[in-house]
């Protein structure tokens, strides 16, 4: 997914300026150089309409969405979202950071993993799916960032699993996460633990003690 987003440059900074921007229906932001630092150009202070940016964040590709950032009607810079702040109560967007990317240079991103299908080990054997690794770090060109990595699990039986190295055939990206990382496996259902022998003996002794007749002090008889 790639979109175009219009931004305006801002010369003033500070909390008061940011508050005025938000009251006016815009959100403050900063555009950094390539990789999120100043190596690809000076940081640029901007403002953006929050609705368009929230649509990006809520999309399937989220922060991995390639954005053509158009400054005051000029030429678009290709950027990704570096960071953003959301108000925990109102859920309003408060601030956003972008970083420029070069379309001919590979970058590192984190992509979610999606499971498809119902394993035979669940349907036939009563097993349970253990989804171990829900996202992986990869490197690729900005134009080839996948929205997600889909893993078909229908054939898995109890004891079967899928590791990252099994998902690499024909993909336009290279893994950064260890290739031996277990993504998902099917495990046997957990059985309730039976009480230990020591626990049973303790319970029996307690029950015996409760069943013995209790002698009150006034009922004791003297031998004299």
N, C-alpha and C. Protein backbone atom coordinates (compact mmCIF):
# COMPACT_ATOMS: atom_id res chain seq x y z
N UNK A 1 0.84 -1.19 0.00
CA UNK A 1 0.00 0.00 0.00
C UNK A 1 0.88 1.24 0.00
N UNK A 2 0.56 2.21 -0.88
CA UNK A 2 1.28 3.48 -0.92
C UNK A 2 0.27 4.60 -1.05
N UNK A 3 0.45 5.68 -0.33
CA UNK A 3 -0.49 6.79 -0.37
C UNK A 3 0.29 8.09 -0.49
N UNK A 4 -0.44 9.17 -0.77
CA UNK A 4 0.14 10.51 -0.80
C UNK A 4 -0.46 11.33 0.34
N UNK A 5 0.38 12.07 1.04
CA UNK A 5 -0.05 12.85 2.19
C UNK A 5 0.51 14.26 2.07
N UNK A 6 -0.37 15.25 2.17
CA UNK A 6 0.06 16.64 2.09
C UNK A 6 0.41 17.17 3.47
N UNK A 7 1.55 17.82 3.59
CA UNK A 7 1.98 18.42 4.85
C UNK A 7 2.38 19.87 4.61
N UNK A 8 2.38 20.64 5.68
CA UNK A 8 2.81 22.03 5.62
C UNK A 8 4.02 22.22 6.53
N UNK A 9 4.99 22.99 6.05
CA UNK A 9 6.16 23.27 6.88
C UNK A 9 5.77 24.25 7.98
N UNK A 10 6.37 24.09 9.16
CA UNK A 10 6.13 25.02 10.27
C UNK A 10 7.48 25.49 10.80
N UNK A 11 7.57 26.77 11.07
CA UNK A 11 8.83 27.35 11.54
C UNK A 11 8.87 27.45 13.05
N UNK A 12 7.71 27.54 13.68
CA UNK A 12 7.65 27.67 15.14
C UNK A 12 7.57 26.29 15.79
N UNK A 13 8.16 26.21 16.96
CA UNK A 13 8.13 24.96 17.71
C UNK A 13 7.75 25.23 19.15
N UNK A 14 7.53 24.15 19.91
CA UNK A 14 7.21 24.29 21.32
C UNK A 14 5.81 23.78 21.63
N UNK A 15 5.56 23.57 22.93
CA UNK A 15 4.27 22.99 23.36
C UNK A 15 3.11 23.90 23.03
N UNK A 16 3.28 25.21 23.20
CA UNK A 16 2.19 26.13 22.92
C UNK A 16 1.82 26.12 21.44
N UNK A 17 2.84 26.06 20.58
CA UNK A 17 2.60 25.99 19.14
C UNK A 17 1.86 24.70 18.80
N UNK A 18 2.29 23.60 19.41
CA UNK A 18 1.64 22.30 19.14
C UNK A 18 0.18 22.32 19.57
N UNK A 19 -0.10 22.95 20.72
CA UNK A 19 -1.49 23.04 21.18
C UNK A 19 -2.33 23.85 20.20
N UNK A 20 -1.77 24.96 19.70
CA UNK A 20 -2.52 25.79 18.75
C UNK A 20 -2.80 25.02 17.46
N UNK A 21 -1.81 24.24 17.02
CA UNK A 21 -2.01 23.43 15.83
C UNK A 21 -3.15 22.43 16.01
N UNK A 22 -3.16 21.76 17.14
CA UNK A 22 -4.20 20.75 17.39
C UNK A 22 -5.57 21.41 17.48
N UNK A 23 -5.63 22.57 18.14
CA UNK A 23 -6.92 23.27 18.21
C UNK A 23 -7.39 23.68 16.82
N UNK A 24 -6.45 23.92 15.92
CA UNK A 24 -6.78 24.29 14.55
C UNK A 24 -7.02 23.09 13.64
N UNK A 25 -6.99 21.89 14.20
CA UNK A 25 -7.30 20.70 13.42
C UNK A 25 -6.13 20.04 12.73
N UNK A 26 -4.89 20.42 13.11
CA UNK A 26 -3.70 19.80 12.52
C UNK A 26 -2.84 19.20 13.62
N UNK A 27 -1.89 18.36 13.22
CA UNK A 27 -1.02 17.67 14.17
C UNK A 27 0.43 17.99 13.83
N UNK A 28 1.26 18.32 14.84
CA UNK A 28 2.68 18.57 14.57
C UNK A 28 3.43 17.29 14.25
N UNK A 29 4.46 17.42 13.43
CA UNK A 29 5.29 16.27 13.08
C UNK A 29 6.69 16.71 12.69
N UNK A 30 7.57 15.74 12.55
CA UNK A 30 8.95 15.99 12.13
C UNK A 30 9.32 14.96 11.07
N UNK A 31 9.99 15.42 10.02
CA UNK A 31 10.50 14.53 8.98
C UNK A 31 12.02 14.44 9.14
N UNK A 32 12.52 13.23 9.40
CA UNK A 32 13.94 13.01 9.59
C UNK A 32 14.59 12.46 8.32
N UNK A 33 15.92 12.43 8.34
CA UNK A 33 16.68 11.91 7.20
C UNK A 33 16.52 10.41 7.08
N UNK A 34 17.19 9.84 6.10
CA UNK A 34 17.08 8.41 5.85
C UNK A 34 17.50 7.62 7.07
N UNK A 35 16.71 6.60 7.40
CA UNK A 35 16.99 5.77 8.56
C UNK A 35 16.56 6.39 9.87
N UNK A 36 15.92 7.57 9.82
CA UNK A 36 15.44 8.19 11.04
C UNK A 36 16.42 9.12 11.70
N UNK A 37 17.56 9.44 11.03
CA UNK A 37 18.51 10.38 11.61
C UNK A 37 18.70 11.55 10.65
N UNK A 38 19.70 12.35 10.88
CA UNK A 38 19.91 13.53 10.05
C UNK A 38 20.89 13.30 8.91
N UNK A 39 21.29 12.04 8.68
CA UNK A 39 22.29 11.76 7.66
C UNK A 39 21.77 12.02 6.25
N UNK A 40 20.44 11.91 6.06
CA UNK A 40 19.88 12.09 4.74
C UNK A 40 19.28 13.47 4.56
N UNK A 41 19.64 14.42 5.38
CA UNK A 41 19.06 15.76 5.29
C UNK A 41 18.63 16.23 6.66
N UNK A 42 18.45 17.54 6.80
CA UNK A 42 18.08 18.10 8.09
C UNK A 42 16.65 17.71 8.45
N UNK A 43 16.38 17.64 9.75
CA UNK A 43 15.03 17.37 10.21
C UNK A 43 14.14 18.56 9.87
N UNK A 44 12.93 18.27 9.45
CA UNK A 44 12.01 19.30 8.99
C UNK A 44 10.74 19.24 9.84
N UNK A 45 10.35 20.37 10.42
CA UNK A 45 9.12 20.43 11.21
C UNK A 45 7.94 20.68 10.29
N UNK A 46 6.89 19.88 10.45
CA UNK A 46 5.72 19.97 9.58
C UNK A 46 4.45 19.86 10.40
N UNK A 47 3.33 20.06 9.75
CA UNK A 47 2.02 19.76 10.34
C UNK A 47 1.21 18.98 9.31
N UNK A 48 0.28 18.17 9.79
CA UNK A 48 -0.46 17.27 8.92
C UNK A 48 -1.88 17.14 9.44
N UNK A 49 -2.81 16.83 8.55
CA UNK A 49 -4.19 16.56 8.95
C UNK A 49 -4.24 15.18 9.61
N UNK A 50 -4.79 15.08 10.81
CA UNK A 50 -4.74 13.80 11.54
C UNK A 50 -5.60 12.69 10.94
N UNK A 51 -6.72 13.04 10.29
CA UNK A 51 -7.63 12.00 9.80
C UNK A 51 -6.95 11.09 8.79
N UNK A 52 -6.23 11.70 7.85
CA UNK A 52 -5.55 10.90 6.82
C UNK A 52 -4.49 10.00 7.43
N UNK A 53 -3.79 10.51 8.43
CA UNK A 53 -2.73 9.72 9.05
C UNK A 53 -3.30 8.59 9.90
N UNK A 54 -4.42 8.84 10.57
CA UNK A 54 -5.06 7.78 11.35
C UNK A 54 -5.56 6.67 10.44
N UNK A 55 -6.01 7.03 9.24
CA UNK A 55 -6.42 6.00 8.28
C UNK A 55 -5.25 5.10 7.92
N UNK A 56 -4.07 5.69 7.80
CA UNK A 56 -2.87 4.92 7.51
C UNK A 56 -2.55 3.97 8.67
N UNK A 57 -2.56 4.49 9.88
CA UNK A 57 -2.21 3.69 11.05
C UNK A 57 -3.19 2.54 11.27
N UNK A 58 -4.44 2.73 10.87
CA UNK A 58 -5.46 1.70 11.06
C UNK A 58 -5.52 0.70 9.90
N UNK A 59 -4.76 0.96 8.85
CA UNK A 59 -4.76 0.08 7.68
C UNK A 59 -4.00 -1.21 7.97
N UNK A 60 -4.11 -2.17 7.06
CA UNK A 60 -3.43 -3.45 7.24
C UNK A 60 -1.91 -3.29 7.31
N UNK A 61 -1.36 -2.37 6.53
CA UNK A 61 0.09 -2.20 6.52
C UNK A 61 0.58 -1.30 7.64
N UNK A 62 -0.29 -0.47 8.22
CA UNK A 62 0.06 0.33 9.39
C UNK A 62 1.29 1.19 9.19
N UNK A 63 2.24 1.09 10.13
CA UNK A 63 3.44 1.92 10.05
C UNK A 63 4.36 1.52 8.91
N UNK A 64 4.09 0.39 8.25
CA UNK A 64 4.90 -0.02 7.10
C UNK A 64 4.34 0.52 5.79
N UNK A 65 3.36 1.40 5.88
CA UNK A 65 2.80 2.00 4.67
C UNK A 65 3.77 3.02 4.07
N UNK A 66 4.07 2.86 2.81
CA UNK A 66 4.95 3.80 2.12
C UNK A 66 4.14 5.05 1.77
N UNK A 67 4.62 6.21 2.23
CA UNK A 67 3.88 7.46 2.09
C UNK A 67 4.67 8.43 1.21
N UNK A 68 3.98 8.98 0.20
CA UNK A 68 4.56 10.06 -0.58
C UNK A 68 4.20 11.38 0.11
N UNK A 69 5.15 11.95 0.80
CA UNK A 69 4.91 13.14 1.61
C UNK A 69 5.14 14.39 0.74
N UNK A 70 4.05 15.12 0.49
CA UNK A 70 4.11 16.29 -0.38
C UNK A 70 4.14 17.54 0.49
N UNK A 71 5.23 18.29 0.39
CA UNK A 71 5.40 19.50 1.20
C UNK A 71 4.99 20.72 0.40
N UNK A 72 3.92 21.38 0.87
CA UNK A 72 3.45 22.63 0.26
C UNK A 72 3.33 22.53 -1.26
N UNK A 73 2.82 21.39 -1.73
CA UNK A 73 2.58 21.23 -3.16
C UNK A 73 3.80 20.89 -3.99
N UNK A 74 4.93 20.66 -3.37
CA UNK A 74 6.16 20.35 -4.08
C UNK A 74 6.30 18.88 -4.41
N UNK A 75 7.55 18.45 -4.63
CA UNK A 75 7.85 17.07 -4.97
C UNK A 75 7.70 16.18 -3.74
N UNK A 76 7.18 14.98 -3.94
CA UNK A 76 6.93 14.06 -2.83
C UNK A 76 8.21 13.40 -2.35
N UNK A 77 8.40 13.36 -1.04
CA UNK A 77 9.44 12.56 -0.41
C UNK A 77 8.82 11.23 0.01
N UNK A 78 9.52 10.13 -0.26
CA UNK A 78 9.03 8.82 0.17
C UNK A 78 9.45 8.61 1.62
N UNK A 79 8.47 8.38 2.48
CA UNK A 79 8.74 8.27 3.91
C UNK A 79 7.98 7.09 4.51
N UNK A 80 8.43 6.67 5.70
CA UNK A 80 7.69 5.75 6.55
C UNK A 80 7.48 6.43 7.90
N UNK A 81 6.52 5.93 8.64
CA UNK A 81 6.28 6.47 9.98
C UNK A 81 7.32 5.90 10.94
N UNK A 82 8.03 6.78 11.60
CA UNK A 82 9.06 6.37 12.56
C UNK A 82 8.45 6.17 13.95
N UNK A 83 7.58 7.09 14.36
CA UNK A 83 6.98 7.03 15.69
C UNK A 83 5.74 7.93 15.69
N UNK A 84 4.85 7.70 16.63
CA UNK A 84 3.68 8.57 16.78
C UNK A 84 3.18 8.48 18.22
N UNK A 85 2.40 9.49 18.62
CA UNK A 85 1.85 9.54 19.96
C UNK A 85 0.34 9.68 19.89
N UNK A 86 -0.36 8.86 20.67
CA UNK A 86 -1.81 8.88 20.75
C UNK A 86 -2.23 9.22 22.18
N UNK A 87 -3.20 10.12 22.34
CA UNK A 87 -3.71 10.44 23.67
C UNK A 87 -4.40 9.20 24.23
N UNK A 88 -4.00 8.74 25.44
CA UNK A 88 -4.56 7.49 25.97
C UNK A 88 -6.04 7.57 26.34
N UNK A 89 -6.56 8.79 26.50
CA UNK A 89 -7.96 8.95 26.90
C UNK A 89 -8.84 9.26 25.69
N UNK A 90 -8.48 10.30 24.94
CA UNK A 90 -9.29 10.70 23.79
C UNK A 90 -8.97 9.92 22.53
N UNK A 91 -7.78 9.25 22.51
CA UNK A 91 -7.29 8.51 21.34
C UNK A 91 -7.02 9.43 20.15
N UNK A 92 -6.85 10.72 20.42
CA UNK A 92 -6.48 11.66 19.36
C UNK A 92 -5.00 11.53 19.05
N UNK A 93 -4.65 11.75 17.81
CA UNK A 93 -3.24 11.76 17.40
C UNK A 93 -2.60 13.05 17.89
N UNK A 94 -1.46 12.94 18.57
CA UNK A 94 -0.80 14.10 19.16
C UNK A 94 0.44 14.54 18.38
N UNK A 95 1.18 13.58 17.83
CA UNK A 95 2.45 13.91 17.18
C UNK A 95 2.86 12.74 16.31
N UNK A 96 3.62 13.04 15.26
CA UNK A 96 4.09 11.98 14.37
C UNK A 96 5.49 12.31 13.88
N UNK A 97 6.32 11.29 13.77
CA UNK A 97 7.66 11.41 13.19
C UNK A 97 7.73 10.54 11.94
N UNK A 98 8.28 11.10 10.87
CA UNK A 98 8.52 10.37 9.63
C UNK A 98 10.02 10.24 9.40
N UNK A 99 10.41 9.26 8.57
CA UNK A 99 11.79 9.24 8.11
C UNK A 99 11.83 8.92 6.63
N UNK A 100 12.73 9.61 5.93
CA UNK A 100 12.84 9.45 4.49
C UNK A 100 13.48 8.10 4.15
N UNK A 101 13.05 7.54 3.02
CA UNK A 101 13.64 6.28 2.55
C UNK A 101 14.06 6.47 1.09
N UNK A 102 15.13 5.78 0.71
CA UNK A 102 15.57 5.74 -0.68
C UNK A 102 14.99 4.49 -1.32
N UNK A 103 14.30 4.63 -2.44
CA UNK A 103 13.59 3.51 -3.04
C UNK A 103 14.51 2.42 -3.55
N UNK A 104 15.79 2.72 -3.73
CA UNK A 104 16.72 1.71 -4.25
C UNK A 104 17.59 1.11 -3.15
N UNK A 105 17.28 1.40 -1.89
CA UNK A 105 18.07 0.87 -0.77
C UNK A 105 17.17 0.06 0.17
N UNK A 106 17.66 -1.11 0.57
CA UNK A 106 16.89 -1.97 1.46
C UNK A 106 16.81 -1.37 2.85
N UNK A 107 15.68 -1.58 3.50
CA UNK A 107 15.47 -1.12 4.87
C UNK A 107 15.00 -2.29 5.72
N UNK A 108 15.07 -2.12 7.03
CA UNK A 108 14.62 -3.16 7.95
C UNK A 108 13.30 -2.74 8.59
N UNK A 109 12.32 -3.63 8.52
CA UNK A 109 11.01 -3.36 9.11
C UNK A 109 10.55 -4.62 9.85
N UNK A 110 9.55 -4.43 10.70
CA UNK A 110 8.93 -5.56 11.41
C UNK A 110 7.55 -5.79 10.83
N UNK A 111 7.27 -7.04 10.45
CA UNK A 111 6.04 -7.39 9.75
C UNK A 111 5.26 -8.42 10.57
N UNK A 112 3.94 -8.25 10.69
CA UNK A 112 3.16 -9.24 11.46
C UNK A 112 3.02 -10.56 10.71
N UNK A 113 2.84 -11.63 11.48
CA UNK A 113 2.62 -12.97 10.93
C UNK A 113 1.14 -13.29 11.07
N UNK A 114 0.57 -13.90 10.01
CA UNK A 114 -0.84 -14.28 10.01
C UNK A 114 -0.96 -15.78 9.75
N UNK A 115 -1.74 -16.48 10.57
CA UNK A 115 -1.97 -17.90 10.39
C UNK A 115 -3.24 -18.12 9.58
N UNK A 116 -3.20 -19.08 8.65
CA UNK A 116 -4.39 -19.42 7.86
C UNK A 116 -4.63 -20.92 7.95
N UNK A 117 -5.90 -21.31 7.98
CA UNK A 117 -6.27 -22.71 8.03
C UNK A 117 -6.40 -23.23 9.46
N UNK A 118 -7.06 -24.38 9.59
CA UNK A 118 -7.20 -25.07 10.88
C UNK A 118 -6.42 -26.37 10.82
N UNK A 119 -5.47 -26.57 11.72
CA UNK A 119 -4.62 -27.76 11.65
C UNK A 119 -5.40 -29.07 11.85
N UNK A 120 -4.97 -30.11 11.12
CA UNK A 120 -5.54 -31.45 11.33
C UNK A 120 -5.31 -31.91 12.76
N UNK A 121 -4.19 -31.50 13.32
CA UNK A 121 -3.90 -31.89 14.70
C UNK A 121 -4.87 -31.32 15.72
N UNK A 122 -5.57 -30.27 15.34
CA UNK A 122 -6.62 -29.71 16.20
C UNK A 122 -7.94 -30.42 15.94
N UNK A 123 -8.29 -30.59 14.66
CA UNK A 123 -9.58 -31.20 14.31
C UNK A 123 -9.64 -32.68 14.66
N UNK A 124 -8.54 -33.40 14.40
CA UNK A 124 -8.55 -34.86 14.55
C UNK A 124 -8.01 -35.31 15.90
N UNK A 125 -6.96 -34.65 16.36
CA UNK A 125 -6.28 -35.10 17.57
C UNK A 125 -6.60 -34.28 18.82
N UNK A 126 -7.34 -33.21 18.65
CA UNK A 126 -7.68 -32.39 19.81
C UNK A 126 -6.54 -31.53 20.31
N UNK A 127 -5.57 -31.27 19.44
CA UNK A 127 -4.42 -30.46 19.83
C UNK A 127 -4.75 -28.98 19.94
N UNK A 128 -3.74 -28.20 20.31
CA UNK A 128 -3.89 -26.76 20.51
C UNK A 128 -2.82 -26.03 19.71
N UNK A 129 -3.21 -24.95 19.02
CA UNK A 129 -2.26 -24.14 18.27
C UNK A 129 -1.50 -23.23 19.23
N UNK A 130 -0.18 -23.28 19.18
CA UNK A 130 0.67 -22.39 19.98
C UNK A 130 1.36 -21.43 19.02
N UNK A 131 0.85 -20.20 18.97
CA UNK A 131 1.36 -19.15 18.07
C UNK A 131 2.51 -18.47 18.79
N UNK A 132 3.74 -18.89 18.47
CA UNK A 132 4.92 -18.50 19.24
C UNK A 132 5.44 -17.12 18.84
N UNK A 133 5.62 -16.89 17.54
CA UNK A 133 6.24 -15.66 17.04
C UNK A 133 5.25 -14.93 16.16
N UNK A 134 4.75 -13.78 16.63
CA UNK A 134 3.68 -13.08 15.93
C UNK A 134 4.17 -12.00 14.99
N UNK A 135 5.45 -11.70 14.98
CA UNK A 135 6.01 -10.78 13.99
C UNK A 135 7.48 -11.09 13.79
N UNK A 136 8.00 -10.72 12.63
CA UNK A 136 9.41 -10.98 12.32
C UNK A 136 10.02 -9.74 11.69
N UNK A 137 11.30 -9.55 11.91
CA UNK A 137 12.05 -8.46 11.29
C UNK A 137 12.62 -8.94 9.97
N UNK A 138 12.45 -8.12 8.93
CA UNK A 138 12.95 -8.47 7.60
C UNK A 138 13.65 -7.26 7.00
N UNK A 139 14.38 -7.50 5.92
CA UNK A 139 14.98 -6.41 5.15
C UNK A 139 14.54 -6.56 3.69
N UNK A 140 14.18 -5.42 3.08
CA UNK A 140 13.71 -5.44 1.70
C UNK A 140 13.69 -4.01 1.16
N UNK A 141 13.40 -3.86 -0.12
CA UNK A 141 13.22 -2.54 -0.69
C UNK A 141 11.91 -1.94 -0.19
N UNK A 142 11.84 -0.62 -0.05
CA UNK A 142 10.61 -0.01 0.47
C UNK A 142 9.36 -0.37 -0.33
N UNK A 143 9.49 -0.54 -1.62
CA UNK A 143 8.33 -0.86 -2.46
C UNK A 143 7.87 -2.31 -2.31
N UNK A 144 8.64 -3.14 -1.61
CA UNK A 144 8.32 -4.57 -1.51
C UNK A 144 8.01 -5.00 -0.07
N UNK A 145 7.66 -4.03 0.78
CA UNK A 145 7.31 -4.38 2.16
C UNK A 145 5.97 -5.12 2.16
N UNK A 146 5.91 -6.35 2.65
CA UNK A 146 4.62 -7.06 2.68
C UNK A 146 3.75 -6.56 3.83
N UNK A 147 2.43 -6.60 3.63
CA UNK A 147 1.52 -6.21 4.71
C UNK A 147 1.60 -7.20 5.86
N UNK A 148 1.79 -8.46 5.51
CA UNK A 148 1.88 -9.51 6.53
C UNK A 148 2.58 -10.72 5.91
N UNK A 149 3.02 -11.64 6.76
CA UNK A 149 3.58 -12.91 6.29
C UNK A 149 2.57 -13.99 6.63
N UNK A 150 2.00 -14.60 5.60
CA UNK A 150 0.94 -15.58 5.78
C UNK A 150 1.53 -16.99 5.93
N UNK A 151 1.06 -17.72 6.93
CA UNK A 151 1.56 -19.06 7.21
C UNK A 151 0.39 -20.04 7.19
N UNK A 152 0.41 -20.99 6.25
CA UNK A 152 -0.63 -22.00 6.14
C UNK A 152 -0.33 -23.16 7.10
N UNK A 153 -1.28 -23.45 7.98
CA UNK A 153 -1.02 -24.43 9.04
C UNK A 153 -1.97 -25.63 9.00
N UNK A 154 -2.74 -25.80 7.93
CA UNK A 154 -3.76 -26.85 7.89
C UNK A 154 -3.18 -28.25 8.04
N UNK A 155 -1.96 -28.49 7.57
CA UNK A 155 -1.40 -29.84 7.57
C UNK A 155 -0.74 -30.22 8.89
N UNK A 156 -0.64 -29.32 9.82
CA UNK A 156 0.10 -29.61 11.05
C UNK A 156 -0.65 -30.59 11.95
N UNK A 157 0.09 -31.58 12.44
CA UNK A 157 -0.42 -32.51 13.45
C UNK A 157 0.25 -32.17 14.78
N UNK A 158 -0.18 -32.84 15.85
CA UNK A 158 0.45 -32.61 17.15
C UNK A 158 1.94 -32.93 17.05
N UNK A 159 2.77 -32.03 17.49
CA UNK A 159 4.21 -32.19 17.43
C UNK A 159 4.84 -31.53 16.21
N UNK A 160 4.01 -31.11 15.24
CA UNK A 160 4.52 -30.45 14.04
C UNK A 160 4.61 -28.93 14.28
N UNK A 161 5.57 -28.31 13.61
CA UNK A 161 5.73 -26.87 13.72
C UNK A 161 6.31 -26.28 12.44
N UNK A 162 6.31 -24.98 12.36
CA UNK A 162 6.86 -24.26 11.20
C UNK A 162 7.85 -23.22 11.70
N UNK A 163 9.05 -23.24 11.13
CA UNK A 163 10.08 -22.27 11.47
C UNK A 163 10.23 -21.25 10.34
N UNK A 164 10.84 -20.15 10.65
CA UNK A 164 10.95 -19.05 9.70
C UNK A 164 11.65 -19.49 8.41
N UNK A 165 12.63 -20.36 8.52
CA UNK A 165 13.39 -20.78 7.33
C UNK A 165 12.51 -21.48 6.30
N UNK A 166 11.35 -22.01 6.72
CA UNK A 166 10.44 -22.69 5.81
C UNK A 166 9.56 -21.73 5.02
N UNK A 167 9.68 -20.43 5.28
CA UNK A 167 8.80 -19.44 4.65
C UNK A 167 9.54 -18.56 3.65
N UNK A 168 10.78 -18.91 3.31
CA UNK A 168 11.64 -18.00 2.56
C UNK A 168 11.62 -18.22 1.05
N UNK A 169 11.02 -19.30 0.58
CA UNK A 169 11.08 -19.59 -0.85
C UNK A 169 10.28 -18.57 -1.67
N UNK A 170 10.96 -17.92 -2.61
CA UNK A 170 10.29 -17.02 -3.54
C UNK A 170 9.87 -15.67 -2.98
N UNK A 171 10.30 -15.32 -1.78
CA UNK A 171 9.88 -14.03 -1.21
C UNK A 171 10.88 -12.94 -1.59
N UNK A 172 10.43 -11.67 -1.70
CA UNK A 172 11.32 -10.57 -2.09
C UNK A 172 12.04 -9.93 -0.93
N UNK A 173 12.05 -10.60 0.22
CA UNK A 173 12.69 -10.05 1.40
C UNK A 173 13.63 -11.08 2.02
N UNK A 174 14.51 -10.61 2.88
CA UNK A 174 15.44 -11.50 3.60
C UNK A 174 15.18 -11.35 5.10
N UNK A 175 15.26 -12.45 5.84
CA UNK A 175 14.97 -12.37 7.27
C UNK A 175 16.11 -11.72 8.06
N UNK A 176 15.72 -10.93 9.05
CA UNK A 176 16.66 -10.43 10.04
C UNK A 176 16.53 -11.27 11.32
N UNK A 177 15.29 -11.61 11.64
CA UNK A 177 15.04 -12.55 12.73
C UNK A 177 15.70 -13.89 12.40
N UNK A 178 16.23 -14.57 13.41
CA UNK A 178 16.89 -15.86 13.24
C UNK A 178 16.01 -16.82 12.44
N UNK A 179 16.57 -17.44 11.41
CA UNK A 179 15.81 -18.34 10.55
C UNK A 179 15.30 -19.57 11.28
N UNK A 180 15.93 -19.94 12.39
CA UNK A 180 15.48 -21.11 13.14
C UNK A 180 14.36 -20.78 14.12
N UNK A 181 13.91 -19.54 14.13
CA UNK A 181 12.83 -19.13 15.04
C UNK A 181 11.56 -19.92 14.75
N UNK A 182 11.00 -20.53 15.80
CA UNK A 182 9.74 -21.27 15.67
C UNK A 182 8.59 -20.27 15.58
N UNK A 183 7.83 -20.35 14.51
CA UNK A 183 6.69 -19.45 14.31
C UNK A 183 5.44 -19.98 15.01
N UNK A 184 5.14 -21.26 14.75
CA UNK A 184 3.91 -21.86 15.28
C UNK A 184 4.10 -23.36 15.37
N UNK A 185 3.44 -23.99 16.33
CA UNK A 185 3.38 -25.45 16.37
C UNK A 185 2.08 -25.89 17.04
N UNK A 186 1.78 -27.18 16.88
CA UNK A 186 0.57 -27.74 17.50
C UNK A 186 1.00 -28.64 18.64
N UNK A 187 0.43 -28.40 19.80
CA UNK A 187 0.82 -29.14 21.00
C UNK A 187 -0.37 -29.91 21.55
N UNK A 188 -0.07 -30.95 22.34
CA UNK A 188 -1.12 -31.73 22.98
C UNK A 188 -1.81 -30.88 24.05
N UNK A 189 -3.10 -31.10 24.26
CA UNK A 189 -3.79 -30.33 25.30
C UNK A 189 -3.21 -30.63 26.67
N UNK A 190 -3.16 -29.65 27.51
CA UNK A 190 -2.63 -29.85 28.86
C UNK A 190 -3.65 -30.55 29.73
N UNK A 191 -3.18 -31.58 30.45
CA UNK A 191 -4.03 -32.31 31.36
C UNK A 191 -3.94 -31.69 32.74
N UNK A 192 -5.05 -31.75 33.49
CA UNK A 192 -5.02 -31.24 34.85
C UNK A 192 -4.09 -32.10 35.70
N UNK A 193 -3.27 -31.45 36.47
CA UNK A 193 -2.31 -32.16 37.30
C UNK A 193 -3.01 -32.90 38.42
N UNK A 194 -2.65 -34.19 38.58
CA UNK A 194 -3.21 -34.97 39.68
C UNK A 194 -2.49 -34.61 40.98
N UNK A 195 -3.20 -34.70 42.11
CA UNK A 195 -2.56 -34.37 43.39
C UNK A 195 -1.37 -35.28 43.63
N UNK A 196 -0.29 -34.75 44.18
CA UNK A 196 0.88 -35.54 44.48
C UNK A 196 0.61 -36.47 45.65
N UNK A 197 1.46 -37.51 45.79
CA UNK A 197 1.30 -38.47 46.90
C UNK A 197 1.41 -37.74 48.23
N UNK A 198 2.37 -36.81 48.31
CA UNK A 198 2.54 -36.06 49.56
C UNK A 198 1.30 -35.26 49.88
N UNK A 199 0.69 -34.68 48.81
CA UNK A 199 -0.52 -33.89 49.03
C UNK A 199 -1.66 -34.75 49.49
N UNK A 200 -1.77 -35.98 48.92
CA UNK A 200 -2.84 -36.88 49.33
C UNK A 200 -2.68 -37.29 50.78
N UNK A 201 -1.43 -37.60 51.19
CA UNK A 201 -1.20 -38.01 52.57
C UNK A 201 -1.53 -36.88 53.54
N UNK A 202 -1.18 -35.65 53.16
CA UNK A 202 -1.46 -34.52 54.01
C UNK A 202 -2.96 -34.31 54.15
N UNK A 203 -3.70 -34.47 53.04
CA UNK A 203 -5.14 -34.30 53.07
C UNK A 203 -5.79 -35.37 53.94
N UNK A 204 -5.27 -36.64 53.86
CA UNK A 204 -5.81 -37.75 54.65
C UNK A 204 -5.59 -37.51 56.14
N UNK A 205 -4.35 -37.07 56.49
CA UNK A 205 -4.05 -36.82 57.89
C UNK A 205 -4.92 -35.71 58.45
N UNK A 206 -5.18 -34.68 57.64
CA UNK A 206 -6.02 -33.58 58.09
C UNK A 206 -7.45 -34.04 58.30
N UNK A 207 -7.92 -34.91 57.38
CA UNK A 207 -9.29 -35.42 57.50
C UNK A 207 -9.43 -36.28 58.74
N UNK A 208 -8.41 -37.13 59.03
CA UNK A 208 -8.45 -37.98 60.22
C UNK A 208 -8.48 -37.14 61.49
N UNK A 209 -7.69 -36.08 61.51
CA UNK A 209 -7.63 -35.22 62.69
C UNK A 209 -8.97 -34.56 62.93
N UNK A 210 -9.66 -34.16 61.85
CA UNK A 210 -10.96 -33.51 62.01
C UNK A 210 -12.02 -34.49 62.48
N UNK A 211 -11.87 -35.81 62.16
CA UNK A 211 -12.88 -36.81 62.52
C UNK A 211 -12.73 -37.30 63.96
N UNK A 212 -11.58 -37.10 64.60
CA UNK A 212 -11.39 -37.54 65.98
C UNK A 212 -12.24 -36.70 66.92
N UNK A 213 -12.85 -37.33 67.97
CA UNK A 213 -13.68 -36.56 68.93
C UNK A 213 -12.81 -35.58 69.69
N UNK A 214 -13.36 -34.42 69.90
CA UNK A 214 -12.65 -33.38 70.65
C UNK A 214 -13.07 -33.42 72.10
N UNK A 215 -12.10 -33.32 73.02
CA UNK A 215 -12.36 -33.35 74.46
C UNK A 215 -12.21 -31.95 75.02
N UNK A 216 -13.30 -31.43 75.58
CA UNK A 216 -13.25 -30.10 76.18
C UNK A 216 -12.56 -30.18 77.52
N UNK A 217 -12.02 -29.06 77.99
CA UNK A 217 -11.30 -29.04 79.27
C UNK A 217 -12.16 -29.51 80.42
N UNK A 218 -13.45 -29.18 80.39
CA UNK A 218 -14.32 -29.56 81.52
C UNK A 218 -14.66 -31.02 81.54
N UNK A 219 -14.42 -31.74 80.44
CA UNK A 219 -14.76 -33.17 80.38
C UNK A 219 -13.60 -34.07 80.78
N UNK A 220 -12.42 -33.47 81.01
CA UNK A 220 -11.27 -34.30 81.38
C UNK A 220 -11.48 -34.89 82.77
N UNK A 221 -11.14 -36.17 83.00
CA UNK A 221 -11.28 -36.85 84.28
C UNK A 221 -9.91 -37.05 84.91
N UNK A 222 -9.88 -36.82 86.17
CA UNK A 222 -8.61 -37.01 86.89
C UNK A 222 -8.48 -38.44 87.33
N UNK A 223 -7.26 -38.99 87.32
CA UNK A 223 -7.01 -40.37 87.77
C UNK A 223 -6.90 -40.46 89.29
N UNK A 224 -6.80 -39.35 89.94
CA UNK A 224 -6.63 -39.40 91.39
C UNK A 224 -7.96 -39.53 92.10
